[in-house]
PDB file of N, CA and C in Angstrom:
ATOM      1  N   UNK A   1      -0.484  10.785  -5.295  1.00  0.00           N
ATOM      2  CA  UNK A   1       0.302  10.064  -4.309  1.00  0.00           C
ATOM      3  C   UNK A   1       1.601   9.580  -4.945  1.00  0.00           C
ATOM      4  N   UNK A   2       1.493   9.061  -6.170  1.00  0.00           N
ATOM      5  CA  UNK A   2       2.674   8.547  -6.862  1.00  0.00           C
ATOM      6  C   UNK A   2       3.757   9.614  -6.959  1.00  0.00           C
ATOM      7  N   UNK A   3       3.384  10.795  -7.424  1.00  0.00           N
ATOM      8  CA  UNK A   3       4.363  11.878  -7.595  1.00  0.00           C
ATOM      9  C   UNK A   3       5.005  12.258  -6.267  1.00  0.00           C
ATOM     10  N   UNK A   4       4.218  12.299  -5.208  1.00  0.00           N
ATOM     11  CA  UNK A   4       4.750  12.661  -3.891  1.00  0.00           C
ATOM     12  C   UNK A   4       5.743  11.607  -3.391  1.00  0.00           C
ATOM     13  N   UNK A   5       5.431  10.346  -3.601  1.00  0.00           N
ATOM     14  CA  UNK A   5       6.341   9.280  -3.167  1.00  0.00           C
ATOM     15  C   UNK A   5       7.635   9.334  -3.978  1.00  0.00           C
ATOM     16  N   UNK A   6       7.517   9.565  -5.275  1.00  0.00           N
ATOM     17  CA  UNK A   6       8.720   9.672  -6.107  1.00  0.00           C
ATOM     18  C   UNK A   6       9.593  10.842  -5.656  1.00  0.00           C
ATOM     19  N   UNK A   7       8.965  11.978  -5.325  1.00  0.00           N
ATOM     20  CA  UNK A   7       9.732  13.128  -4.821  1.00  0.00           C
ATOM     21  C   UNK A   7      10.395  12.806  -3.490  1.00  0.00           C
ATOM     22  N   UNK A   8       9.666  12.154  -2.603  1.00  0.00           N
ATOM     23  CA  UNK A   8      10.227  11.766  -1.306  1.00  0.00           C
ATOM     24  C   UNK A   8      11.422  10.833  -1.497  1.00  0.00           C
ATOM     25  N   UNK A   9      11.258   9.842  -2.342  1.00  0.00           N
ATOM     26  CA  UNK A   9      12.365   8.921  -2.611  1.00  0.00           C
ATOM     27  C   UNK A   9      13.576   9.667  -3.142  1.00  0.00           C
ATOM     28  N   UNK A  10      13.353  10.575  -4.085  1.00  0.00           N
ATOM     29  CA  UNK A  10      14.459  11.351  -4.666  1.00  0.00           C
ATOM     30  C   UNK A  10      15.136  12.211  -3.608  1.00  0.00           C
ATOM     31  N   UNK A  11      14.355  12.776  -2.702  1.00  0.00           N
ATOM     32  CA  UNK A  11      14.938  13.626  -1.658  1.00  0.00           C
ATOM     33  C   UNK A  11      15.835  12.836  -0.712  1.00  0.00           C
ATOM     34  N   UNK A  12      15.620  11.523  -0.659  1.00  0.00           N
ATOM     35  CA  UNK A  12      16.452  10.642   0.166  1.00  0.00           C
ATOM     36  C   UNK A  12      17.554   9.979  -0.649  1.00  0.00           C
ATOM     37  N   UNK A  13      17.691  10.384  -1.907  1.00  0.00           N
ATOM     38  CA  UNK A  13      18.745   9.854  -2.755  1.00  0.00           C
ATOM     39  C   UNK A  13      18.477   8.476  -3.326  1.00  0.00           C
ATOM     40  N   UNK A  14      17.246   8.017  -3.235  1.00  0.00           N
ATOM     41  CA  UNK A  14      16.901   6.701  -3.760  1.00  0.00           C
ATOM     42  C   UNK A  14      16.816   6.763  -5.284  1.00  0.00           C
ATOM     43  N   UNK A  15      17.546   5.904  -5.933  1.00  0.00           N
ATOM     44  CA  UNK A  15      17.500   5.817  -7.390  1.00  0.00           C
ATOM     45  C   UNK A  15      16.413   4.811  -7.758  1.00  0.00           C
ATOM     46  N   UNK A  16      15.392   5.273  -8.461  1.00  0.00           N
ATOM     47  CA  UNK A  16      14.281   4.415  -8.869  1.00  0.00           C
ATOM     48  C   UNK A  16      14.756   3.427  -9.931  1.00  0.00           C
ATOM     49  N   UNK A  17      14.256   2.223  -9.848  1.00  0.00           N
ATOM     50  CA  UNK A  17      14.585   1.203 -10.837  1.00  0.00           C
ATOM     51  C   UNK A  17      13.538   0.105 -10.805  1.00  0.00           C
ATOM     52  N   UNK A  18      13.648  -0.857 -11.693  1.00  0.00           N
ATOM     53  CA  UNK A  18      12.645  -1.920 -11.763  1.00  0.00           C
ATOM     54  C   UNK A  18      12.486  -2.708 -10.464  1.00  0.00           C
ATOM     55  N   UNK A  19      13.532  -2.815  -9.673  1.00  0.00           N
ATOM     56  CA  UNK A  19      13.485  -3.608  -8.442  1.00  0.00           C
ATOM     57  C   UNK A  19      13.595  -2.759  -7.183  1.00  0.00           C
ATOM     58  N   UNK A  20      13.505  -1.451  -7.331  1.00  0.00           N
ATOM     59  CA  UNK A  20      13.730  -0.573  -6.183  1.00  0.00           C
ATOM     60  C   UNK A  20      12.928   0.710  -6.333  1.00  0.00           C
ATOM     61  N   UNK A  21      12.427   1.210  -5.229  1.00  0.00           N
ATOM     62  CA  UNK A  21      11.709   2.478  -5.256  1.00  0.00           C
ATOM     63  C   UNK A  21      10.202   2.301  -5.252  1.00  0.00           C
ATOM     64  N   UNK A  22       9.542   3.178  -5.971  1.00  0.00           N
ATOM     65  CA  UNK A  22       8.078   3.233  -5.987  1.00  0.00           C
ATOM     66  C   UNK A  22       7.468   1.909  -6.435  1.00  0.00           C
ATOM     67  N   UNK A  23       6.365   1.517  -5.758  1.00  0.00           N
ATOM     68  CA  UNK A  23       5.649   0.271  -6.054  1.00  0.00           C
ATOM     69  C   UNK A  23       4.179   0.625  -6.246  1.00  0.00           C
ATOM     70  N   UNK A  24       3.725   0.618  -7.500  1.00  0.00           N
ATOM     71  CA  UNK A  24       2.356   1.041  -7.834  1.00  0.00           C
ATOM     72  C   UNK A  24       1.285   0.228  -7.117  1.00  0.00           C
ATOM     73  N   UNK A  25       1.376  -1.083  -7.178  1.00  0.00           N
ATOM     74  CA  UNK A  25       0.328  -1.915  -6.587  1.00  0.00           C
ATOM     75  C   UNK A  25       0.283  -1.756  -5.073  1.00  0.00           C
ATOM     76  N   UNK A  26       1.428  -1.812  -4.411  1.00  0.00           N
ATOM     77  CA  UNK A  26       1.422  -1.651  -2.948  1.00  0.00           C
ATOM     78  C   UNK A  26       0.874  -0.283  -2.538  1.00  0.00           C
ATOM     79  N   UNK A  27       1.200   0.744  -3.274  1.00  0.00           N
ATOM     80  CA  UNK A  27       0.678   2.069  -2.948  1.00  0.00           C
ATOM     81  C   UNK A  27      -0.840   2.068  -3.004  1.00  0.00           C
ATOM     82  N   UNK A  28      -1.387   1.540  -4.069  1.00  0.00           N
ATOM     83  CA  UNK A  28      -2.847   1.529  -4.217  1.00  0.00           C
ATOM     84  C   UNK A  28      -3.525   0.604  -3.212  1.00  0.00           C
ATOM     85  N   UNK A  29      -2.871  -0.511  -2.883  1.00  0.00           N
ATOM     86  CA  UNK A  29      -3.428  -1.428  -1.878  1.00  0.00           C
ATOM     87  C   UNK A  29      -3.496  -0.729  -0.520  1.00  0.00           C
ATOM     88  N   UNK A  30      -2.407  -0.058  -0.127  1.00  0.00           N
ATOM     89  CA  UNK A  30      -2.411   0.619   1.166  1.00  0.00           C
ATOM     90  C   UNK A  30      -3.426   1.762   1.194  1.00  0.00           C
ATOM     91  N   UNK A  31      -3.607   2.467   0.107  1.00  0.00           N
ATOM     92  CA  UNK A  31      -4.635   3.513   0.067  1.00  0.00           C
ATOM     93  C   UNK A  31      -6.019   2.900   0.269  1.00  0.00           C
ATOM     94  N   UNK A  32      -6.269   1.741  -0.340  1.00  0.00           N
ATOM     95  CA  UNK A  32      -7.561   1.066  -0.171  1.00  0.00           C
ATOM     96  C   UNK A  32      -7.748   0.577   1.263  1.00  0.00           C
ATOM     97  N   UNK A  33      -6.715  -0.013   1.837  1.00  0.00           N
ATOM     98  CA  UNK A  33      -6.813  -0.526   3.209  1.00  0.00           C
ATOM     99  C   UNK A  33      -7.054   0.616   4.191  1.00  0.00           C
ATOM    100  N   UNK A  34      -6.260   1.652   4.109  1.00  0.00           N
ATOM    101  CA  UNK A  34      -6.411   2.791   5.027  1.00  0.00           C
ATOM    102  C   UNK A  34      -7.767   3.462   4.809  1.00  0.00           C
ATOM    103  N   UNK A  35      -8.179   3.623   3.566  1.00  0.00           N
ATOM    104  CA  UNK A  35      -9.492   4.214   3.285  1.00  0.00           C
ATOM    105  C   UNK A  35     -10.622   3.406   3.886  1.00  0.00           C
ATOM    106  N   UNK A  36     -10.519   2.079   3.794  1.00  0.00           N
ATOM    107  CA  UNK A  36     -11.539   1.208   4.369  1.00  0.00           C
ATOM    108  C   UNK A  36     -11.601   1.358   5.887  1.00  0.00           C
ATOM    109  N   UNK A  37     -10.442   1.353   6.532  1.00  0.00           N
ATOM    110  CA  UNK A  37     -10.407   1.496   7.993  1.00  0.00           C
ATOM    111  C   UNK A  37     -10.947   2.871   8.403  1.00  0.00           C
ATOM    112  N   UNK A  38     -10.541   3.902   7.692  1.00  0.00           N
ATOM    113  CA  UNK A  38     -11.007   5.262   8.012  1.00  0.00           C
ATOM    114  C   UNK A  38     -12.514   5.395   7.846  1.00  0.00           C
ATOM    115  N   UNK A  39     -13.091   4.685   6.882  1.00  0.00           N
ATOM    116  CA  UNK A  39     -14.535   4.794   6.632  1.00  0.00           C
ATOM    117  C   UNK A  39     -15.360   4.269   7.793  1.00  0.00           C
ATOM    118  N   UNK A  40     -14.732   3.488   8.644  1.00  0.00           N
ATOM    119  CA  UNK A  40     -15.441   2.945   9.811  1.00  0.00           C
ATOM    120  C   UNK A  40     -15.456   3.904  10.992  1.00  0.00           C
ATOM    121  N   UNK A  41     -14.833   5.072  10.814  1.00  0.00           N
ATOM    122  CA  UNK A  41     -14.847   6.088  11.859  1.00  0.00           C
ATOM    123  C   UNK A  41     -13.653   5.979  12.784  1.00  0.00           C
ATOM    124  N   UNK A  42     -13.673   6.776  13.817  1.00  0.00           N
ATOM    125  CA  UNK A  42     -12.576   6.792  14.770  1.00  0.00           C
ATOM    126  C   UNK A  42     -11.789   8.080  14.677  1.00  0.00           C
ATOM    127  N   UNK A  43     -10.627   8.052  15.243  1.00  0.00           N
ATOM    128  CA  UNK A  43      -9.789   9.233  15.344  1.00  0.00           C
ATOM    129  C   UNK A  43      -9.188   9.639  14.002  1.00  0.00           C
ATOM    130  N   UNK A  44      -8.831  10.893  13.902  1.00  0.00           N
ATOM    131  CA  UNK A  44      -8.096  11.374  12.732  1.00  0.00           C
ATOM    132  C   UNK A  44      -6.629  11.622  13.083  1.00  0.00           C
ATOM    133  N   UNK A  45      -6.257  11.484  14.338  1.00  0.00           N
ATOM    134  CA  UNK A  45      -4.862  11.660  14.766  1.00  0.00           C
ATOM    135  C   UNK A  45      -4.102  10.395  14.371  1.00  0.00           C
ATOM    136  N   UNK A  46      -3.016  10.534  13.641  1.00  0.00           N
ATOM    137  CA  UNK A  46      -2.366   9.387  13.004  1.00  0.00           C
ATOM    138  C   UNK A  46      -1.853   8.334  13.980  1.00  0.00           C
ATOM    139  N   UNK A  47      -1.189   8.735  15.049  1.00  0.00           N
ATOM    140  CA  UNK A  47      -0.649   7.726  15.977  1.00  0.00           C
ATOM    141  C   UNK A  47      -1.767   6.935  16.640  1.00  0.00           C
ATOM    142  N   UNK A  48      -2.822   7.615  17.026  1.00  0.00           N
ATOM    143  CA  UNK A  48      -3.965   6.939  17.637  1.00  0.00           C
ATOM    144  C   UNK A  48      -4.647   6.032  16.623  1.00  0.00           C
ATOM    145  N   UNK A  49      -4.795   6.523  15.393  1.00  0.00           N
ATOM    146  CA  UNK A  49      -5.402   5.735  14.320  1.00  0.00           C
ATOM    147  C   UNK A  49      -4.646   4.423  14.123  1.00  0.00           C
ATOM    148  N   UNK A  50      -3.330   4.494  14.042  1.00  0.00           N
ATOM    149  CA  UNK A  50      -2.514   3.293  13.841  1.00  0.00           C
ATOM    150  C   UNK A  50      -2.631   2.369  15.053  1.00  0.00           C
ATOM    151  N   UNK A  51      -2.563   2.918  16.245  1.00  0.00           N
ATOM    152  CA  UNK A  51      -2.654   2.102  17.459  1.00  0.00           C
ATOM    153  C   UNK A  51      -4.014   1.405  17.559  1.00  0.00           C
ATOM    154  N   UNK A  52      -5.072   2.134  17.245  1.00  0.00           N
ATOM    155  CA  UNK A  52      -6.421   1.572  17.347  1.00  0.00           C
ATOM    156  C   UNK A  52      -6.712   0.532  16.264  1.00  0.00           C
ATOM    157  N   UNK A  53      -5.959   0.564  15.191  1.00  0.00           N
ATOM    158  CA  UNK A  53      -6.230  -0.316  14.044  1.00  0.00           C
ATOM    159  C   UNK A  53      -5.020  -1.170  13.678  1.00  0.00           C
ATOM    160  N   UNK A  54      -4.208  -1.491  14.667  1.00  0.00           N
ATOM    161  CA  UNK A  54      -2.944  -2.199  14.425  1.00  0.00           C
ATOM    162  C   UNK A  54      -3.130  -3.496  13.653  1.00  0.00           C
ATOM    163  N   UNK A  55      -4.130  -4.272  13.969  1.00  0.00           N
ATOM    164  CA  UNK A  55      -4.273  -5.562  13.274  1.00  0.00           C
ATOM    165  C   UNK A  55      -4.650  -5.363  11.808  1.00  0.00           C
ATOM    166  N   UNK A  56      -5.499  -4.400  11.503  1.00  0.00           N
ATOM    167  CA  UNK A  56      -5.888  -4.137  10.107  1.00  0.00           C
ATOM    168  C   UNK A  56      -4.745  -3.533   9.310  1.00  0.00           C
ATOM    169  N   UNK A  57      -3.822  -2.851  10.003  1.00  0.00           N
ATOM    170  CA  UNK A  57      -2.738  -2.138   9.331  1.00  0.00           C
ATOM    171  C   UNK A  57      -1.382  -2.831   9.467  1.00  0.00           C
ATOM    172  N   UNK A  58      -1.384  -4.089   9.867  1.00  0.00           N
ATOM    173  CA  UNK A  58      -0.100  -4.773  10.015  1.00  0.00           C
ATOM    174  C   UNK A  58       0.591  -4.911   8.658  1.00  0.00           C
ATOM    175  N   UNK A  59       1.913  -5.037   8.710  1.00  0.00           N
ATOM    176  CA  UNK A  59       2.744  -5.048   7.504  1.00  0.00           C
ATOM    177  C   UNK A  59       2.282  -6.090   6.482  1.00  0.00           C
ATOM    178  N   UNK A  60       1.789  -7.200   6.941  1.00  0.00           N
ATOM    179  CA  UNK A  60       1.372  -8.275   6.036  1.00  0.00           C
ATOM    180  C   UNK A  60      -0.044  -8.090   5.487  1.00  0.00           C
ATOM    181  N   UNK A  61      -0.707  -6.997   5.788  1.00  0.00           N
ATOM    182  CA  UNK A  61      -2.093  -6.786   5.352  1.00  0.00           C
ATOM    183  C   UNK A  61      -2.305  -6.983   3.853  1.00  0.00           C
ATOM    184  N   UNK A  62      -1.409  -6.527   2.976  1.00  0.00           N
ATOM    185  CA  UNK A  62      -1.640  -6.760   1.546  1.00  0.00           C
ATOM    186  C   UNK A  62      -1.729  -8.241   1.161  1.00  0.00           C
ATOM    187  N   UNK A  63      -1.149  -9.109   1.984  1.00  0.00           N
ATOM    188  CA  UNK A  63      -1.177 -10.544   1.688  1.00  0.00           C
ATOM    189  C   UNK A  63      -2.551 -11.162   1.940  1.00  0.00           C
ATOM    190  N   UNK A  64      -3.483 -10.398   2.470  1.00  0.00           N
ATOM    191  CA  UNK A  64      -4.872 -10.863   2.561  1.00  0.00           C
ATOM    192  C   UNK A  64      -5.517 -10.826   1.176  1.00  0.00           C
ATOM    193  N   UNK A  65      -4.940 -10.049   0.267  1.00  0.00           N
ATOM    194  CA  UNK A  65      -5.522  -9.837  -1.058  1.00  0.00           C
ATOM    195  C   UNK A  65      -4.675 -10.417  -2.190  1.00  0.00           C
ATOM    196  N   UNK A  66      -3.380 -10.600  -1.934  1.00  0.00           N
ATOM    197  CA  UNK A  66      -2.428 -11.026  -2.960  1.00  0.00           C
ATOM    198  C   UNK A  66      -1.550 -12.169  -2.484  1.00  0.00           C
ATOM    199  N   UNK A  67      -1.241 -13.075  -3.404  1.00  0.00           N
ATOM    200  CA  UNK A  67      -0.183 -14.049  -3.155  1.00  0.00           C
ATOM    201  C   UNK A  67       1.134 -13.279  -3.132  1.00  0.00           C
ATOM    202  N   UNK A  68       2.062 -13.709  -2.314  1.00  0.00           N
ATOM    203  CA  UNK A  68       3.350 -13.012  -2.176  1.00  0.00           C
ATOM    204  C   UNK A  68       4.049 -12.850  -3.530  1.00  0.00           C
ATOM    205  N   UNK A  69       4.069 -13.896  -4.346  1.00  0.00           N
ATOM    206  CA  UNK A  69       4.736 -13.799  -5.652  1.00  0.00           C
ATOM    207  C   UNK A  69       4.080 -12.748  -6.549  1.00  0.00           C
ATOM    208  N   UNK A  70       2.780 -12.609  -6.446  1.00  0.00           N
ATOM    209  CA  UNK A  70       2.076 -11.623  -7.265  1.00  0.00           C
ATOM    210  C   UNK A  70       2.423 -10.207  -6.832  1.00  0.00           C
ATOM    211  N   UNK A  71       2.288  -9.917  -5.557  1.00  0.00           N
ATOM    212  CA  UNK A  71       2.502  -8.551  -5.061  1.00  0.00           C
ATOM    213  C   UNK A  71       3.970  -8.133  -5.156  1.00  0.00           C
ATOM    214  N   UNK A  72       4.879  -9.095  -5.112  1.00  0.00           N
ATOM    215  CA  UNK A  72       6.298  -8.763  -5.167  1.00  0.00           C
ATOM    216  C   UNK A  72       6.872  -8.821  -6.580  1.00  0.00           C
ATOM    217  N   UNK A  73       6.037  -9.048  -7.566  1.00  0.00           N
ATOM    218  CA  UNK A  73       6.517  -9.149  -8.940  1.00  0.00           C
ATOM    219  C   UNK A  73       6.928  -7.776  -9.493  1.00  0.00           C
ATOM    220  N   UNK A  74       7.803  -7.795 -10.478  1.00  0.00           N
ATOM    221  CA  UNK A  74       8.207  -6.551 -11.143  1.00  0.00           C
ATOM    222  C   UNK A  74       7.006  -5.900 -11.833  1.00  0.00           C
ATOM    223  N   UNK A  75       6.110  -6.712 -12.347  1.00  0.00           N
ATOM    224  CA  UNK A  75       4.907  -6.174 -12.988  1.00  0.00           C
ATOM    225  C   UNK A  75       4.068  -5.380 -11.987  1.00  0.00           C
ATOM    226  N   UNK A  76       3.860  -5.940 -10.784  1.00  0.00           N
ATOM    227  CA  UNK A  76       3.072  -5.254  -9.762  1.00  0.00           C
ATOM    228  C   UNK A  76       3.761  -3.986  -9.272  1.00  0.00           C
ATOM    229  N   UNK A  77       5.062  -3.958  -9.319  1.00  0.00           N
ATOM    230  CA  UNK A  77       5.797  -2.750  -8.943  1.00  0.00           C
ATOM    231  C   UNK A  77       5.564  -1.656  -9.985  1.00  0.00           C
ATOM    232  N   UNK A  78       5.539  -2.028 -11.248  1.00  0.00           N
ATOM    233  CA  UNK A  78       5.456  -1.048 -12.340  1.00  0.00           C
ATOM    234  C   UNK A  78       4.041  -0.556 -12.615  1.00  0.00           C
ATOM    235  N   UNK A  79       3.057  -1.468 -12.552  1.00  0.00           N
ATOM    236  CA  UNK A  79       1.664  -1.109 -12.842  1.00  0.00           C
ATOM    237  C   UNK A  79       0.760  -1.753 -11.798  1.00  0.00           C
ATOM    238  N   UNK A  80      -0.464  -1.251 -11.685  1.00  0.00           N
ATOM    239  CA  UNK A  80      -1.399  -1.860 -10.748  1.00  0.00           C
ATOM    240  C   UNK A  80      -1.809  -3.229 -11.267  1.00  0.00           C
ATOM    241  N   UNK A  81      -1.710  -4.222 -10.382  1.00  0.00           N
ATOM    242  CA  UNK A  81      -2.132  -5.583 -10.678  1.00  0.00           C
ATOM    243  C   UNK A  81      -3.312  -5.896  -9.771  1.00  0.00           C
ATOM    244  N   UNK A  82      -4.383  -6.423 -10.354  1.00  0.00           N
ATOM    245  CA  UNK A  82      -5.574  -6.758  -9.575  1.00  0.00           C
ATOM    246  C   UNK A  82      -5.260  -7.862  -8.571  1.00  0.00           C
ATOM    247  N   UNK A  83      -5.947  -7.859  -7.437  1.00  0.00           N
ATOM    248  CA  UNK A  83      -5.724  -8.886  -6.415  1.00  0.00           C
ATOM    249  C   UNK A  83      -6.042 -10.280  -6.950  1.00  0.00           C
ATOM    250  N   UNK A  84      -5.313 -11.263  -6.457  1.00  0.00           N
ATOM    251  CA  UNK A  84      -5.538 -12.634  -6.892  1.00  0.00           C
ATOM    252  C   UNK A  84      -6.084 -13.538  -5.784  1.00  0.00           C
ATOM    253  N   UNK A  85      -6.301 -12.990  -4.582  1.00  0.00           N
ATOM    254  CA  UNK A  85      -6.853 -13.796  -3.486  1.00  0.00           C
ATOM    255  C   UNK A  85      -8.236 -13.316  -3.034  1.00  0.00           C
ATOM    256  N   UNK A  86      -8.397 -12.011  -2.928  1.00  0.00           N
ATOM    257  CA  UNK A  86      -9.667 -11.428  -2.457  1.00  0.00           C
ATOM    258  C   UNK A  86      -9.770 -10.009  -2.989  1.00  0.00           C
ATOM    259  N   UNK A  87     -10.998  -9.516  -3.213  1.00  0.00           N
ATOM    260  CA  UNK A  87     -11.132  -8.148  -3.712  1.00  0.00           C
ATOM    261  C   UNK A  87     -10.688  -7.129  -2.666  1.00  0.00           C
ATOM    262  N   UNK A  88     -10.112  -6.045  -3.159  1.00  0.00           N
ATOM    263  CA  UNK A  88      -9.738  -4.938  -2.273  1.00  0.00           C
ATOM    264  C   UNK A  88     -10.985  -4.213  -1.806  1.00  0.00           C
ATOM    265  N   UNK A  89     -10.936  -3.634  -0.609  1.00  0.00           N
ATOM    266  CA  UNK A  89     -12.034  -2.760  -0.214  1.00  0.00           C
ATOM    267  C   UNK A  89     -12.037  -1.539  -1.136  1.00  0.00           C
ATOM    268  N   UNK A  90     -13.196  -1.055  -1.463  1.00  0.00           N
ATOM    269  CA  UNK A  90     -13.355   0.127  -2.343  1.00  0.00           C
ATOM    270  C   UNK A  90     -12.860  -0.117  -3.754  1.00  0.00           C
ATOM    271  N   UNK A  91     -12.704  -1.373  -4.197  1.00  0.00           N
ATOM    272  CA  UNK A  91     -12.207  -1.576  -5.558  1.00  0.00           C
ATOM    273  C   UNK A  91     -13.334  -1.672  -6.551  1.00  0.00           C
TER     274      UNK A  91
END
């Protein structure tokens, strides 16, 4: 996933840096959240999946597991940082 996101960013001209671009912790958190929701069944069509699971997939979902300062830190962007509020699903 990391390599694909880096390629996508590059294709859009995004210059990766410590404060911009790929975010390791957020990527892994979203994979865990989506994996957890998918494990409960339902549609495989993406638009329907998002519509049916809007509350679980809201933009602030990572904040159920991380304090804002933790998830937005440069360290969390560079490497995976364990949650500081609640365990991730599938962790």
